[in-house]
N, C-alpha and C. Protein backbone atom coordinates (compact mmCIF):
# COMPACT_ATOMS: atom_id res chain seq x y z
N MET A 1 125.94 -123.60 182.27
CA MET A 1 126.25 -124.86 182.87
C MET A 1 127.76 -125.00 183.00
N PHE A 2 128.47 -124.98 181.89
CA PHE A 2 129.92 -125.05 181.93
C PHE A 2 130.46 -123.65 181.70
N ASP A 3 131.55 -123.34 182.35
CA ASP A 3 132.17 -122.03 182.18
C ASP A 3 133.28 -122.15 181.15
N ILE A 4 132.88 -122.23 179.87
CA ILE A 4 133.84 -122.40 178.78
C ILE A 4 133.83 -121.15 177.93
N GLY A 5 134.99 -120.58 177.73
CA GLY A 5 135.12 -119.39 176.91
C GLY A 5 135.47 -119.75 175.48
N ILE A 6 135.65 -118.72 174.67
CA ILE A 6 135.95 -118.93 173.25
C ILE A 6 137.33 -119.57 173.07
N GLY A 7 138.27 -119.25 173.96
CA GLY A 7 139.60 -119.85 173.86
C GLY A 7 139.58 -121.34 174.09
N GLU A 8 138.81 -121.79 175.09
CA GLU A 8 138.72 -123.22 175.37
C GLU A 8 138.01 -123.95 174.23
N ILE A 9 137.02 -123.31 173.64
CA ILE A 9 136.32 -123.93 172.51
C ILE A 9 137.26 -124.10 171.33
N MET A 10 138.11 -123.10 171.09
CA MET A 10 139.07 -123.20 169.99
C MET A 10 140.07 -124.33 170.25
N ILE A 11 140.53 -124.45 171.49
CA ILE A 11 141.48 -125.52 171.82
C ILE A 11 140.83 -126.88 171.63
N LEU A 12 139.58 -127.03 172.07
CA LEU A 12 138.87 -128.30 171.88
C LEU A 12 138.66 -128.60 170.40
N ALA A 13 138.38 -127.59 169.60
CA ALA A 13 138.19 -127.79 168.16
C ALA A 13 139.48 -128.26 167.50
N VAL A 14 140.60 -127.65 167.88
CA VAL A 14 141.89 -128.05 167.31
C VAL A 14 142.24 -129.47 167.74
N LEU A 15 142.02 -129.80 169.02
CA LEU A 15 142.28 -131.16 169.50
C LEU A 15 141.39 -132.17 168.79
N GLY A 16 140.12 -131.85 168.60
CA GLY A 16 139.22 -132.74 167.88
C GLY A 16 139.65 -132.93 166.44
N LEU A 17 140.13 -131.88 165.82
CA LEU A 17 140.60 -131.96 164.45
C LEU A 17 141.84 -132.84 164.36
N LEU A 18 142.74 -132.72 165.34
CA LEU A 18 143.95 -133.54 165.33
C LEU A 18 143.65 -135.00 165.64
N ILE A 19 142.72 -135.26 166.54
CA ILE A 19 142.42 -136.63 166.94
C ILE A 19 141.59 -137.35 165.87
N PHE A 20 140.50 -136.73 165.41
CA PHE A 20 139.59 -137.40 164.49
C PHE A 20 139.89 -137.13 163.02
N GLY A 21 140.52 -136.05 162.72
CA GLY A 21 140.78 -135.70 161.33
C GLY A 21 139.59 -134.97 160.75
N PRO A 22 139.81 -134.28 159.62
CA PRO A 22 138.73 -133.46 159.04
C PRO A 22 137.57 -134.30 158.46
N GLU A 23 137.82 -135.59 158.14
CA GLU A 23 136.75 -136.40 157.56
C GLU A 23 135.77 -136.90 158.62
N ARG A 24 136.31 -137.31 159.78
CA ARG A 24 135.47 -137.93 160.79
C ARG A 24 135.01 -136.94 161.87
N LEU A 25 135.49 -135.71 161.90
CA LEU A 25 135.13 -134.76 162.95
C LEU A 25 133.64 -134.41 162.97
N PRO A 26 132.99 -134.14 161.83
CA PRO A 26 131.55 -133.82 161.89
C PRO A 26 130.71 -134.98 162.44
N LYS A 27 131.06 -136.22 162.06
CA LYS A 27 130.32 -137.38 162.56
C LYS A 27 130.56 -137.55 164.06
N ALA A 28 131.78 -137.33 164.53
CA ALA A 28 132.09 -137.46 165.95
C ALA A 28 131.36 -136.37 166.76
N ALA A 29 131.27 -135.16 166.23
CA ALA A 29 130.56 -134.08 166.92
C ALA A 29 129.07 -134.39 166.99
N ALA A 30 128.50 -134.92 165.91
CA ALA A 30 127.09 -135.28 165.91
C ALA A 30 126.82 -136.41 166.90
N ASP A 31 127.71 -137.40 166.96
CA ASP A 31 127.56 -138.50 167.92
C ASP A 31 127.65 -137.99 169.36
N ALA A 32 128.56 -137.06 169.62
CA ALA A 32 128.70 -136.49 170.97
C ALA A 32 127.45 -135.71 171.36
N GLY A 33 126.88 -134.96 170.44
CA GLY A 33 125.65 -134.22 170.71
C GLY A 33 124.48 -135.16 170.97
N ARG A 34 124.40 -136.23 170.18
CA ARG A 34 123.35 -137.22 170.36
C ARG A 34 123.48 -137.90 171.73
N LEU A 35 124.71 -138.25 172.12
CA LEU A 35 124.96 -138.87 173.42
C LEU A 35 124.58 -137.93 174.57
N ALA A 36 124.93 -136.66 174.45
CA ALA A 36 124.59 -135.68 175.49
C ALA A 36 123.08 -135.55 175.63
N ARG A 37 122.35 -135.54 174.49
CA ARG A 37 120.90 -135.45 174.53
C ARG A 37 120.29 -136.68 175.19
N GLN A 38 120.80 -137.86 174.86
CA GLN A 38 120.30 -139.09 175.46
C GLN A 38 120.55 -139.12 176.97
N LEU A 39 121.73 -138.67 177.39
CA LEU A 39 122.04 -138.62 178.82
C LEU A 39 121.10 -137.67 179.55
N ARG A 40 120.82 -136.51 178.96
CA ARG A 40 119.91 -135.55 179.56
C ARG A 40 118.50 -136.13 179.68
N GLU A 41 118.04 -136.83 178.63
CA GLU A 41 116.72 -137.45 178.66
C GLU A 41 116.65 -138.55 179.71
N MET A 42 117.73 -139.35 179.83
CA MET A 42 117.75 -140.41 180.84
C MET A 42 117.73 -139.83 182.25
N ALA A 43 118.48 -138.76 182.47
CA ALA A 43 118.51 -138.14 183.80
C ALA A 43 117.15 -137.55 184.16
N SER A 44 116.50 -136.87 183.23
CA SER A 44 115.19 -136.30 183.52
C SER A 44 114.15 -137.41 183.72
N GLY A 45 114.27 -138.50 182.97
CA GLY A 45 113.37 -139.63 183.14
C GLY A 45 113.56 -140.29 184.50
N ALA A 46 114.81 -140.44 184.92
CA ALA A 46 115.08 -141.04 186.23
C ALA A 46 114.55 -140.15 187.35
N LYS A 47 114.71 -138.84 187.21
CA LYS A 47 114.20 -137.91 188.22
C LYS A 47 112.67 -137.97 188.27
N ARG A 48 112.06 -138.05 187.13
CA ARG A 48 110.60 -138.12 187.07
C ARG A 48 110.10 -139.44 187.68
N ASP A 49 110.80 -140.56 187.38
CA ASP A 49 110.41 -141.86 187.93
C ASP A 49 110.56 -141.88 189.45
N LEU A 50 111.65 -141.32 189.95
CA LEU A 50 111.85 -141.28 191.39
C LEU A 50 110.77 -140.44 192.07
N ALA A 51 110.44 -139.33 191.48
CA ALA A 51 109.41 -138.47 192.06
C ALA A 51 108.05 -139.16 192.04
N ASP A 52 107.75 -139.88 190.96
CA ASP A 52 106.47 -140.59 190.87
C ASP A 52 106.40 -141.73 191.88
N SER A 53 107.49 -142.47 192.02
CA SER A 53 107.47 -143.61 192.94
C SER A 53 107.44 -143.16 194.40
N ALA A 54 108.02 -142.01 194.70
CA ALA A 54 108.01 -141.51 196.06
C ALA A 54 106.75 -140.71 196.37
N GLY A 55 105.98 -140.41 195.34
CA GLY A 55 104.74 -139.66 195.55
C GLY A 55 105.00 -138.19 195.84
N LEU A 56 106.11 -137.65 195.37
CA LEU A 56 106.44 -136.24 195.62
C LEU A 56 105.86 -135.37 194.51
N ASP A 57 105.46 -134.17 194.91
CA ASP A 57 105.05 -133.17 193.94
C ASP A 57 106.24 -132.24 193.73
N MET A 58 106.93 -132.42 192.61
CA MET A 58 108.18 -131.69 192.39
C MET A 58 107.95 -130.19 192.22
N SER A 59 106.77 -129.77 191.81
CA SER A 59 106.54 -128.33 191.64
C SER A 59 106.60 -127.62 193.00
N GLU A 60 106.03 -128.25 194.03
CA GLU A 60 106.10 -127.65 195.36
C GLU A 60 107.53 -127.63 195.87
N THR A 61 108.26 -128.71 195.61
CA THR A 61 109.65 -128.79 196.05
C THR A 61 110.49 -127.72 195.37
N MET A 62 110.29 -127.55 194.07
CA MET A 62 111.06 -126.55 193.34
C MET A 62 110.69 -125.14 193.78
N ASP A 63 109.43 -124.91 194.11
CA ASP A 63 109.02 -123.59 194.61
C ASP A 63 109.69 -123.28 195.94
N SER A 64 109.79 -124.28 196.81
CA SER A 64 110.45 -124.05 198.10
C SER A 64 111.93 -123.82 197.93
N VAL A 65 112.56 -124.49 196.96
CA VAL A 65 113.99 -124.27 196.70
C VAL A 65 114.19 -122.87 196.14
N ARG A 66 113.30 -122.43 195.27
CA ARG A 66 113.43 -121.08 194.70
C ARG A 66 113.23 -120.00 195.77
N SER A 67 112.36 -120.30 196.74
CA SER A 67 112.13 -119.31 197.79
C SER A 67 113.36 -119.16 198.69
N LEU A 68 114.22 -120.17 198.72
CA LEU A 68 115.46 -120.06 199.49
C LEU A 68 116.39 -119.01 198.88
N GLY A 69 116.21 -118.72 197.59
CA GLY A 69 117.02 -117.69 196.94
C GLY A 69 116.80 -116.31 197.53
N ASP A 70 115.64 -116.11 198.15
CA ASP A 70 115.36 -114.82 198.79
C ASP A 70 116.21 -114.61 200.02
N LEU A 71 116.80 -115.66 200.54
CA LEU A 71 117.62 -115.56 201.75
C LEU A 71 119.09 -115.30 201.44
N HIS A 72 119.41 -115.05 200.18
CA HIS A 72 120.79 -114.74 199.81
C HIS A 72 121.19 -113.42 200.46
N PRO A 73 122.40 -113.34 201.03
CA PRO A 73 122.79 -112.12 201.74
C PRO A 73 122.69 -110.85 200.90
N ARG A 74 123.02 -110.91 199.65
CA ARG A 74 122.93 -109.71 198.80
C ARG A 74 121.49 -109.23 198.67
N LYS A 75 120.56 -110.16 198.51
CA LYS A 75 119.16 -109.77 198.39
C LYS A 75 118.64 -109.22 199.71
N LEU A 76 119.09 -109.81 200.81
CA LEU A 76 118.65 -109.32 202.12
C LEU A 76 119.12 -107.89 202.36
N VAL A 77 120.39 -107.62 202.05
CA VAL A 77 120.94 -106.28 202.26
C VAL A 77 120.28 -105.29 201.31
N ALA A 78 120.08 -105.68 200.06
CA ALA A 78 119.43 -104.78 199.11
C ALA A 78 118.01 -104.47 199.56
N GLY A 79 117.32 -105.45 200.11
CA GLY A 79 115.98 -105.22 200.61
C GLY A 79 115.96 -104.27 201.79
N LEU A 80 116.98 -104.35 202.64
CA LEU A 80 117.05 -103.44 203.77
C LEU A 80 117.22 -101.99 203.32
N PHE A 81 118.05 -101.78 202.31
CA PHE A 81 118.31 -100.42 201.86
C PHE A 81 117.18 -99.88 200.99
N ASN A 82 116.51 -100.73 200.23
CA ASN A 82 115.46 -100.26 199.32
C ASN A 82 114.14 -100.00 200.03
N ASP A 83 113.87 -100.66 201.15
CA ASP A 83 112.58 -100.49 201.81
C ASP A 83 112.45 -99.16 202.53
N ASP A 84 113.55 -98.54 202.96
CA ASP A 84 113.49 -97.34 203.76
C ASP A 84 113.47 -96.06 202.95
N GLU A 85 113.45 -96.14 201.63
CA GLU A 85 113.47 -94.93 200.81
C GLU A 85 112.09 -94.29 200.83
N PRO A 86 112.02 -92.98 201.12
CA PRO A 86 110.71 -92.31 201.09
C PRO A 86 110.23 -92.13 199.66
N ASP A 87 108.92 -92.05 199.51
CA ASP A 87 108.35 -91.87 198.18
C ASP A 87 108.61 -90.48 197.64
N GLU A 88 108.50 -89.48 198.50
CA GLU A 88 108.72 -88.10 198.09
C GLU A 88 109.88 -87.53 198.88
N VAL A 89 110.69 -86.74 198.21
CA VAL A 89 111.79 -86.07 198.88
C VAL A 89 111.35 -84.65 199.16
N LYS A 90 111.26 -84.30 200.45
CA LYS A 90 110.82 -82.96 200.82
C LYS A 90 112.04 -82.06 200.97
N PRO A 91 111.98 -80.85 200.44
CA PRO A 91 113.14 -79.95 200.59
C PRO A 91 113.30 -79.54 202.06
N THR A 92 114.53 -79.49 202.50
CA THR A 92 114.81 -79.08 203.88
C THR A 92 115.16 -77.61 203.90
N LYS A 93 114.92 -77.01 205.04
CA LYS A 93 115.25 -75.59 205.19
C LYS A 93 116.73 -75.46 205.52
N THR A 94 117.34 -74.42 205.01
CA THR A 94 118.74 -74.17 205.29
C THR A 94 118.89 -73.53 206.67
N ALA A 95 120.12 -73.46 207.16
CA ALA A 95 120.38 -72.90 208.49
C ALA A 95 119.99 -71.43 208.54
N SER A 96 120.15 -70.69 207.42
CA SER A 96 119.80 -69.26 207.43
C SER A 96 118.28 -69.08 207.49
N GLU A 97 117.52 -70.01 206.90
CA GLU A 97 116.07 -69.93 206.94
C GLU A 97 115.51 -70.24 208.33
N THR A 98 116.15 -71.13 209.07
CA THR A 98 115.65 -71.49 210.40
C THR A 98 116.18 -70.55 211.48
N GLY A 99 117.22 -69.76 211.18
CA GLY A 99 117.79 -68.84 212.16
C GLY A 99 118.76 -69.52 213.12
N GLN A 100 119.16 -70.74 212.82
CA GLN A 100 120.10 -71.44 213.68
C GLN A 100 121.49 -71.42 213.05
N ALA A 101 122.47 -71.66 213.88
CA ALA A 101 123.85 -71.76 213.38
C ALA A 101 124.01 -73.07 212.62
N PRO A 102 124.80 -73.06 211.56
CA PRO A 102 124.98 -74.31 210.79
C PRO A 102 125.67 -75.38 211.65
N ARG A 103 125.22 -76.60 211.50
CA ARG A 103 125.82 -77.71 212.23
C ARG A 103 127.06 -78.18 211.50
N PRO A 104 128.07 -78.66 212.25
CA PRO A 104 129.27 -79.18 211.57
C PRO A 104 128.95 -80.46 210.82
N VAL A 105 129.71 -80.71 209.79
CA VAL A 105 129.50 -81.89 208.97
C VAL A 105 129.93 -83.14 209.73
N PHE A 106 130.89 -83.01 210.61
CA PHE A 106 131.39 -84.14 211.38
C PHE A 106 131.24 -83.86 212.86
N ASP A 107 131.38 -84.89 213.64
CA ASP A 107 131.28 -84.78 215.08
C ASP A 107 132.69 -84.56 215.65
N PRO A 108 133.00 -83.38 216.20
CA PRO A 108 134.36 -83.12 216.68
C PRO A 108 134.75 -84.02 217.85
N ASP A 109 133.77 -84.51 218.62
CA ASP A 109 134.10 -85.39 219.73
C ASP A 109 134.49 -86.79 219.26
N ALA A 110 134.05 -87.17 218.09
CA ALA A 110 134.34 -88.50 217.59
C ALA A 110 135.70 -88.60 216.95
N THR A 111 136.32 -87.47 216.63
CA THR A 111 137.61 -87.53 215.95
C THR A 111 138.78 -87.43 216.89
């Protein structure tokens, strides 16, 4: 959810220690956690109430949103490259086996 590293957590801990002091810091952290949980519960309750009052089936809506993830350019390109792979790799004959002259690796007209 938040992109917070260990350095930012240490800075927040030091700031909390300086602001609240060592006696009140555990109580302030517990209060902050309780507030975050209550906010999360209120948000999910509001979303559920809105969906119920509008008569929406959120599972279908979420399934359609998840299916949009298949349209991500990286997945599309990966699908293009992965679908064309043959199941078995057949050995090819060398130029000496076919009796033909070896073909150049590059196209001399293109260079």
